[in-house]
PDB file of N, CA and C in Angstrom:
ATOM      1  N   MET A   1     -28.595 -45.458 -15.316  1.00  0.00           N
ATOM      2  CA  MET A   1     -29.753 -44.813 -15.901  1.00  0.00           C
ATOM      3  C   MET A   1     -30.736 -44.477 -14.776  1.00  0.00           C
ATOM      4  N   ALA A   2     -31.261 -43.273 -14.809  1.00  0.00           N
ATOM      5  CA  ALA A   2     -32.207 -42.838 -13.774  1.00  0.00           C
ATOM      6  C   ALA A   2     -33.544 -43.542 -13.955  1.00  0.00           C
ATOM      7  N   SER A   3     -34.187 -43.846 -12.831  1.00  0.00           N
ATOM      8  CA  SER A   3     -35.496 -44.477 -12.923  1.00  0.00           C
ATOM      9  C   SER A   3     -36.579 -43.420 -13.095  1.00  0.00           C
ATOM     10  N   ALA A   4     -37.688 -43.826 -13.652  1.00  0.00           N
ATOM     11  CA  ALA A   4     -38.816 -42.909 -13.866  1.00  0.00           C
ATOM     12  C   ALA A   4     -39.457 -42.572 -12.533  1.00  0.00           C
ATOM     13  N   PRO A   5     -39.991 -41.362 -12.374  1.00  0.00           N
ATOM     14  CA  PRO A   5     -40.675 -41.016 -11.136  1.00  0.00           C
ATOM     15  C   PRO A   5     -41.919 -41.876 -10.937  1.00  0.00           C
ATOM     16  N   ALA A   6     -42.293 -42.084  -9.695  1.00  0.00           N
ATOM     17  CA  ALA A   6     -43.486 -42.872  -9.378  1.00  0.00           C
ATOM     18  C   ALA A   6     -44.722 -42.178  -9.938  1.00  0.00           C
ATOM     19  N   ALA A   7     -45.744 -42.957 -10.232  1.00  0.00           N
ATOM     20  CA  ALA A   7     -46.995 -42.397 -10.750  1.00  0.00           C
ATOM     21  C   ALA A   7     -47.510 -41.328  -9.797  1.00  0.00           C
ATOM     22  N   GLY A   8     -47.898 -40.206 -10.329  1.00  0.00           N
ATOM     23  CA  GLY A   8     -48.421 -39.110  -9.517  1.00  0.00           C
ATOM     24  C   GLY A   8     -47.350 -38.202  -8.939  1.00  0.00           C
ATOM     25  N   ASP A   9     -46.081 -38.552  -9.121  1.00  0.00           N
ATOM     26  CA  ASP A   9     -44.986 -37.732  -8.594  1.00  0.00           C
ATOM     27  C   ASP A   9     -44.817 -36.506  -9.491  1.00  0.00           C
ATOM     28  N   GLN A  10     -45.126 -35.333  -8.986  1.00  0.00           N
ATOM     29  CA  GLN A  10     -45.046 -34.102  -9.776  1.00  0.00           C
ATOM     30  C   GLN A  10     -43.697 -33.400  -9.633  1.00  0.00           C
ATOM     31  N   SER A  11     -42.778 -33.964  -8.880  1.00  0.00           N
ATOM     32  CA  SER A  11     -41.495 -33.298  -8.655  1.00  0.00           C
ATOM     33  C   SER A  11     -40.651 -33.226  -9.919  1.00  0.00           C
ATOM     34  N   GLN A  12     -40.904 -34.095 -10.874  1.00  0.00           N
ATOM     35  CA  GLN A  12     -40.106 -34.122 -12.092  1.00  0.00           C
ATOM     36  C   GLN A  12     -40.850 -33.552 -13.299  1.00  0.00           C
ATOM     37  N   ARG A  13     -41.969 -32.872 -13.087  1.00  0.00           N
ATOM     38  CA  ARG A  13     -42.747 -32.373 -14.215  1.00  0.00           C
ATOM     39  C   ARG A  13     -41.982 -31.292 -14.964  1.00  0.00           C
ATOM     40  N   PHE A  14     -42.346 -31.087 -16.227  1.00  0.00           N
ATOM     41  CA  PHE A  14     -41.676 -30.098 -17.057  1.00  0.00           C
ATOM     42  C   PHE A  14     -42.123 -28.692 -16.705  1.00  0.00           C
ATOM     43  N   ARG A  15     -41.261 -27.737 -16.936  1.00  0.00           N
ATOM     44  CA  ARG A  15     -41.565 -26.335 -16.698  1.00  0.00           C
ATOM     45  C   ARG A  15     -42.542 -25.866 -17.764  1.00  0.00           C
ATOM     46  N   ARG A  16     -43.565 -25.159 -17.337  1.00  0.00           N
ATOM     47  CA  ARG A  16     -44.516 -24.553 -18.261  1.00  0.00           C
ATOM     48  C   ARG A  16     -44.149 -23.082 -18.402  1.00  0.00           C
ATOM     49  N   PRO A  17     -44.534 -22.436 -19.522  1.00  0.00           N
ATOM     50  CA  PRO A  17     -44.241 -21.011 -19.667  1.00  0.00           C
ATOM     51  C   PRO A  17     -44.745 -20.233 -18.454  1.00  0.00           C
ATOM     52  N   GLY A  18     -43.898 -19.382 -17.914  1.00  0.00           N
ATOM     53  CA  GLY A  18     -44.275 -18.574 -16.766  1.00  0.00           C
ATOM     54  C   GLY A  18     -43.981 -19.230 -15.434  1.00  0.00           C
ATOM     55  N   GLU A  19     -43.624 -20.504 -15.430  1.00  0.00           N
ATOM     56  CA  GLU A  19     -43.291 -21.201 -14.187  1.00  0.00           C
ATOM     57  C   GLU A  19     -41.802 -21.066 -13.902  1.00  0.00           C
ATOM     58  N   PRO A  20     -41.437 -20.982 -12.637  1.00  0.00           N
ATOM     59  CA  PRO A  20     -40.008 -20.993 -12.318  1.00  0.00           C
ATOM     60  C   PRO A  20     -39.434 -22.382 -12.573  1.00  0.00           C
ATOM     61  N   GLY A  21     -38.158 -22.470 -12.704  1.00  0.00           N
ATOM     62  CA  GLY A  21     -37.512 -23.764 -12.908  1.00  0.00           C
ATOM     63  C   GLY A  21     -36.708 -23.767 -14.181  1.00  0.00           C
ATOM     64  N   ARG A  22     -36.452 -24.939 -14.675  1.00  0.00           N
ATOM     65  CA  ARG A  22     -35.647 -25.060 -15.888  1.00  0.00           C
ATOM     66  C   ARG A  22     -36.424 -25.813 -16.952  1.00  0.00           C
ATOM     67  N   ALA A  23     -36.027 -25.609 -18.173  1.00  0.00           N
ATOM     68  CA  ALA A  23     -36.666 -26.326 -19.276  1.00  0.00           C
ATOM     69  C   ALA A  23     -36.144 -27.757 -19.307  1.00  0.00           C
ATOM     70  N   ALA A  24     -36.928 -28.673 -19.824  1.00  0.00           N
ATOM     71  CA  ALA A  24     -36.514 -30.070 -19.937  1.00  0.00           C
ATOM     72  C   ALA A  24     -35.467 -30.219 -21.029  1.00  0.00           C
ATOM     73  N   ALA A  25     -34.586 -31.166 -20.858  1.00  0.00           N
ATOM     74  CA  ALA A  25     -33.590 -31.518 -21.865  1.00  0.00           C
ATOM     75  C   ALA A  25     -33.802 -32.985 -22.231  1.00  0.00           C
ATOM     76  N   GLY A  26     -33.144 -33.454 -23.271  1.00  0.00           N
ATOM     77  CA  GLY A  26     -33.304 -34.824 -23.734  1.00  0.00           C
ATOM     78  C   GLY A  26     -33.273 -35.868 -22.631  1.00  0.00           C
ATOM     79  N   PRO A  27     -32.270 -35.858 -21.747  1.00  0.00           N
ATOM     80  CA  PRO A  27     -32.217 -36.874 -20.691  1.00  0.00           C
ATOM     81  C   PRO A  27     -33.366 -36.778 -19.687  1.00  0.00           C
ATOM     82  N   ASP A  28     -34.082 -35.647 -19.651  1.00  0.00           N
ATOM     83  CA  ASP A  28     -35.199 -35.478 -18.724  1.00  0.00           C
ATOM     84  C   ASP A  28     -36.460 -36.179 -19.199  1.00  0.00           C
ATOM     85  N   VAL A  29     -36.503 -36.540 -20.472  1.00  0.00           N
ATOM     86  CA  VAL A  29     -37.715 -37.103 -21.057  1.00  0.00           C
ATOM     87  C   VAL A  29     -37.706 -38.618 -20.871  1.00  0.00           C
ATOM     88  N   VAL A  30     -38.733 -39.129 -20.212  1.00  0.00           N
ATOM     89  CA  VAL A  30     -38.873 -40.566 -20.002  1.00  0.00           C
ATOM     90  C   VAL A  30     -40.012 -41.034 -20.898  1.00  0.00           C
ATOM     91  N   ILE A  31     -39.703 -41.964 -21.798  1.00  0.00           N
ATOM     92  CA  ILE A  31     -40.716 -42.454 -22.731  1.00  0.00           C
ATOM     93  C   ILE A  31     -40.781 -43.969 -22.658  1.00  0.00           C
ATOM     94  N   GLY A  32     -41.790 -44.528 -23.286  1.00  0.00           N
ATOM     95  CA  GLY A  32     -42.020 -45.962 -23.218  1.00  0.00           C
ATOM     96  C   GLY A  32     -41.011 -46.786 -23.995  1.00  0.00           C
ATOM     97  N   GLU A  33     -41.106 -48.057 -23.783  1.00  0.00           N
ATOM     98  CA  GLU A  33     -40.212 -49.046 -24.368  1.00  0.00           C
ATOM     99  C   GLU A  33     -40.216 -48.986 -25.897  1.00  0.00           C
ATOM    100  N   GLY A  34     -39.039 -48.964 -26.485  1.00  0.00           N
ATOM    101  CA  GLY A  34     -38.898 -49.019 -27.928  1.00  0.00           C
ATOM    102  C   GLY A  34     -39.085 -47.692 -28.641  1.00  0.00           C
ATOM    103  N   ALA A  35     -39.476 -46.640 -27.936  1.00  0.00           N
ATOM    104  CA  ALA A  35     -39.705 -45.345 -28.569  1.00  0.00           C
ATOM    105  C   ALA A  35     -38.419 -44.523 -28.561  1.00  0.00           C
ATOM    106  N   ALA A  36     -38.363 -43.542 -29.414  1.00  0.00           N
ATOM    107  CA  ALA A  36     -37.220 -42.645 -29.463  1.00  0.00           C
ATOM    108  C   ALA A  36     -37.731 -41.220 -29.584  1.00  0.00           C
ATOM    109  N   ILE A  37     -37.035 -40.299 -28.957  1.00  0.00           N
ATOM    110  CA  ILE A  37     -37.414 -38.893 -29.038  1.00  0.00           C
ATOM    111  C   ILE A  37     -36.146 -38.060 -29.159  1.00  0.00           C
ATOM    112  N   VAL A  38     -36.228 -37.024 -29.953  1.00  0.00           N
ATOM    113  CA  VAL A  38     -35.120 -36.099 -30.111  1.00  0.00           C
ATOM    114  C   VAL A  38     -35.686 -34.700 -29.928  1.00  0.00           C
ATOM    115  N   LEU A  39     -35.136 -33.941 -28.982  1.00  0.00           N
ATOM    116  CA  LEU A  39     -35.546 -32.547 -28.797  1.00  0.00           C
ATOM    117  C   LEU A  39     -34.662 -31.696 -29.705  1.00  0.00           C
ATOM    118  N   VAL A  40     -35.303 -30.959 -30.607  1.00  0.00           N
ATOM    119  CA  VAL A  40     -34.589 -30.206 -31.638  1.00  0.00           C
ATOM    120  C   VAL A  40     -34.837 -28.720 -31.444  1.00  0.00           C
ATOM    121  N   PRO A  41     -33.791 -27.899 -31.474  1.00  0.00           N
ATOM    122  CA  PRO A  41     -34.001 -26.448 -31.406  1.00  0.00           C
ATOM    123  C   PRO A  41     -34.867 -25.980 -32.582  1.00  0.00           C
ATOM    124  N   ALA A  42     -35.682 -24.972 -32.347  1.00  0.00           N
ATOM    125  CA  ALA A  42     -36.624 -24.491 -33.372  1.00  0.00           C
ATOM    126  C   ALA A  42     -35.929 -24.136 -34.680  1.00  0.00           C
ATOM    127  N   ASP A  43     -34.740 -23.541 -34.606  1.00  0.00           N
ATOM    128  CA  ASP A  43     -34.070 -23.129 -35.846  1.00  0.00           C
ATOM    129  C   ASP A  43     -33.530 -24.325 -36.642  1.00  0.00           C
ATOM    130  N   GLU A  44     -33.609 -25.536 -36.103  1.00  0.00           N
ATOM    131  CA  GLU A  44     -33.168 -26.731 -36.822  1.00  0.00           C
ATOM    132  C   GLU A  44     -34.328 -27.635 -37.245  1.00  0.00           C
ATOM    133  N   LEU A  45     -35.558 -27.262 -36.893  1.00  0.00           N
ATOM    134  CA  LEU A  45     -36.713 -28.122 -37.175  1.00  0.00           C
ATOM    135  C   LEU A  45     -36.931 -28.388 -38.655  1.00  0.00           C
ATOM    136  N   LEU A  46     -36.760 -27.384 -39.470  1.00  0.00           N
ATOM    137  CA  LEU A  46     -37.085 -27.514 -40.892  1.00  0.00           C
ATOM    138  C   LEU A  46     -35.829 -27.579 -41.751  1.00  0.00           C
ATOM    139  N   ASP A  47     -34.816 -28.275 -41.264  1.00  0.00           N
ATOM    140  CA  ASP A  47     -33.534 -28.352 -41.976  1.00  0.00           C
ATOM    141  C   ASP A  47     -33.409 -29.606 -42.842  1.00  0.00           C
ATOM    142  N   GLY A  48     -34.539 -30.151 -43.277  1.00  0.00           N
ATOM    143  CA  GLY A  48     -34.513 -31.314 -44.152  1.00  0.00           C
ATOM    144  C   GLY A  48     -34.868 -32.620 -43.473  1.00  0.00           C
ATOM    145  N   ARG A  49     -35.325 -32.562 -42.233  1.00  0.00           N
ATOM    146  CA  ARG A  49     -35.747 -33.785 -41.544  1.00  0.00           C
ATOM    147  C   ARG A  49     -36.951 -34.376 -42.272  1.00  0.00           C
ATOM    148  N   PRO A  50     -37.103 -35.700 -42.250  1.00  0.00           N
ATOM    149  CA  PRO A  50     -38.194 -36.352 -42.991  1.00  0.00           C
ATOM    150  C   PRO A  50     -39.526 -36.316 -42.232  1.00  0.00           C
ATOM    151  N   TYR A  51     -40.324 -35.310 -42.482  1.00  0.00           N
ATOM    152  CA  TYR A  51     -41.660 -35.189 -41.876  1.00  0.00           C
ATOM    153  C   TYR A  51     -42.725 -35.554 -42.895  1.00  0.00           C
ATOM    154  N   THR A  52     -43.890 -35.932 -42.388  1.00  0.00           N
ATOM    155  CA  THR A  52     -45.028 -36.086 -43.286  1.00  0.00           C
ATOM    156  C   THR A  52     -45.414 -34.676 -43.756  1.00  0.00           C
ATOM    157  N   PRO A  53     -46.101 -34.551 -44.892  1.00  0.00           N
ATOM    158  CA  PRO A  53     -46.486 -33.216 -45.364  1.00  0.00           C
ATOM    159  C   PRO A  53     -47.301 -32.432 -44.324  1.00  0.00           C
ATOM    160  N   GLY A  54     -48.225 -33.098 -43.639  1.00  0.00           N
ATOM    161  CA  GLY A  54     -49.039 -32.416 -42.633  1.00  0.00           C
ATOM    162  C   GLY A  54     -48.210 -31.920 -41.458  1.00  0.00           C
ATOM    163  N   THR A  55     -47.231 -32.707 -41.033  1.00  0.00           N
ATOM    164  CA  THR A  55     -46.362 -32.297 -39.930  1.00  0.00           C
ATOM    165  C   THR A  55     -45.535 -31.080 -40.330  1.00  0.00           C
ATOM    166  N   ALA A  56     -44.995 -31.086 -41.525  1.00  0.00           N
ATOM    167  CA  ALA A  56     -44.208 -29.946 -42.000  1.00  0.00           C
ATOM    168  C   ALA A  56     -45.065 -28.680 -42.050  1.00  0.00           C
ATOM    169  N   ARG A  57     -46.301 -28.788 -42.526  1.00  0.00           N
ATOM    170  CA  ARG A  57     -47.193 -27.619 -42.571  1.00  0.00           C
ATOM    171  C   ARG A  57     -47.501 -27.115 -41.170  1.00  0.00           C
ATOM    172  N   LEU A  58     -47.800 -28.045 -40.248  1.00  0.00           N
ATOM    173  CA  LEU A  58     -48.120 -27.657 -38.888  1.00  0.00           C
ATOM    174  C   LEU A  58     -46.932 -26.958 -38.214  1.00  0.00           C
ATOM    175  N   LEU A  59     -45.746 -27.510 -38.347  1.00  0.00           N
ATOM    176  CA  LEU A  59     -44.561 -26.882 -37.745  1.00  0.00           C
ATOM    177  C   LEU A  59     -44.287 -25.506 -38.344  1.00  0.00           C
ATOM    178  N   THR A  60     -44.431 -25.400 -39.658  1.00  0.00           N
ATOM    179  CA  THR A  60     -44.204 -24.113 -40.325  1.00  0.00           C
ATOM    180  C   THR A  60     -45.194 -23.066 -39.826  1.00  0.00           C
ATOM    181  N   ARG A  61     -46.475 -23.438 -39.723  1.00  0.00           N
ATOM    182  CA  ARG A  61     -47.497 -22.500 -39.226  1.00  0.00           C
ATOM    183  C   ARG A  61     -47.233 -22.115 -37.777  1.00  0.00           C
ATOM    184  N   PHE A  62     -46.906 -23.093 -36.950  1.00  0.00           N
ATOM    185  CA  PHE A  62     -46.674 -22.801 -35.535  1.00  0.00           C
ATOM    186  C   PHE A  62     -45.468 -21.881 -35.351  1.00  0.00           C
ATOM    187  N   LEU A  63     -44.374 -22.147 -36.041  1.00  0.00           N
ATOM    188  CA  LEU A  63     -43.177 -21.311 -35.885  1.00  0.00           C
ATOM    189  C   LEU A  63     -43.400 -19.880 -36.371  1.00  0.00           C
ATOM    190  N   ALA A  64     -44.378 -19.675 -37.246  1.00  0.00           N
ATOM    191  CA  ALA A  64     -44.701 -18.331 -37.741  1.00  0.00           C
ATOM    192  C   ALA A  64     -45.810 -17.666 -36.917  1.00  0.00           C
ATOM    193  N   SER A  65     -46.323 -18.344 -35.901  1.00  0.00           N
ATOM    194  CA  SER A  65     -47.474 -17.839 -35.155  1.00  0.00           C
ATOM    195  C   SER A  65     -47.096 -16.857 -34.048  1.00  0.00           C
ATOM    196  N   PRO A  66     -48.021 -15.955 -33.690  1.00  0.00           N
ATOM    197  CA  PRO A  66     -47.806 -15.055 -32.559  1.00  0.00           C
ATOM    198  C   PRO A  66     -47.623 -15.834 -31.245  1.00  0.00           C
ATOM    199  N   GLU A  67     -48.304 -16.972 -31.113  1.00  0.00           N
ATOM    200  CA  GLU A  67     -48.172 -17.784 -29.895  1.00  0.00           C
ATOM    201  C   GLU A  67     -46.735 -18.286 -29.720  1.00  0.00           C
ATOM    202  N   TYR A  68     -46.126 -18.792 -30.805  1.00  0.00           N
ATOM    203  CA  TYR A  68     -44.730 -19.244 -30.708  1.00  0.00           C
ATOM    204  C   TYR A  68     -43.814 -18.072 -30.382  1.00  0.00           C
ATOM    205  N   THR A  69     -44.046 -16.933 -31.018  1.00  0.00           N
ATOM    206  CA  THR A  69     -43.232 -15.754 -30.758  1.00  0.00           C
ATOM    207  C   THR A  69     -43.298 -15.375 -29.272  1.00  0.00           C
ATOM    208  N   ARG A  70     -44.500 -15.413 -28.705  1.00  0.00           N
ATOM    209  CA  ARG A  70     -44.675 -15.093 -27.294  1.00  0.00           C
ATOM    210  C   ARG A  70     -43.972 -16.113 -26.403  1.00  0.00           C
ATOM    211  N   LEU A  71     -44.120 -17.401 -26.698  1.00  0.00           N
ATOM    212  CA  LEU A  71     -43.482 -18.441 -25.900  1.00  0.00           C
ATOM    213  C   LEU A  71     -41.967 -18.379 -25.995  1.00  0.00           C
ATOM    214  N   ALA A  72     -41.463 -18.140 -27.194  1.00  0.00           N
ATOM    215  CA  ALA A  72     -40.006 -18.068 -27.385  1.00  0.00           C
ATOM    216  C   ALA A  72     -39.416 -16.877 -26.625  1.00  0.00           C
ATOM    217  N   ALA A  73     -40.136 -15.774 -26.608  1.00  0.00           N
ATOM    218  CA  ALA A  73     -39.659 -14.578 -25.900  1.00  0.00           C
ATOM    219  C   ALA A  73     -39.655 -14.794 -24.383  1.00  0.00           C
ATOM    220  N   ALA A  74     -40.579 -15.638 -23.908  1.00  0.00           N
ATOM    221  CA  ALA A  74     -40.676 -15.908 -22.474  1.00  0.00           C
ATOM    222  C   ALA A  74     -39.541 -16.809 -21.995  1.00  0.00           C
ATOM    223  N   GLY A  75     -38.876 -17.465 -22.954  1.00  0.00           N
ATOM    224  CA  GLY A  75     -37.734 -18.303 -22.611  1.00  0.00           C
ATOM    225  C   GLY A  75     -38.122 -19.611 -22.110  1.00  0.00           C
TER     226      GLY A  75
END
């Protein structure tokens, strides 16, 4: 298992829209003890996963937004 980068080490930071590099994948995400994270493609977000009502509304609004459309087009 890869170790987490040292504090302040920016070499492993995630790509931001418009930045060169690659997008993060599941193994790239380092999280704290006992937590779990799953990176889900946008077209699978609302496929019946158990979200709170507020989370479902927020995801639905964001996926329909011009900002998401712009980010998705940027790759």
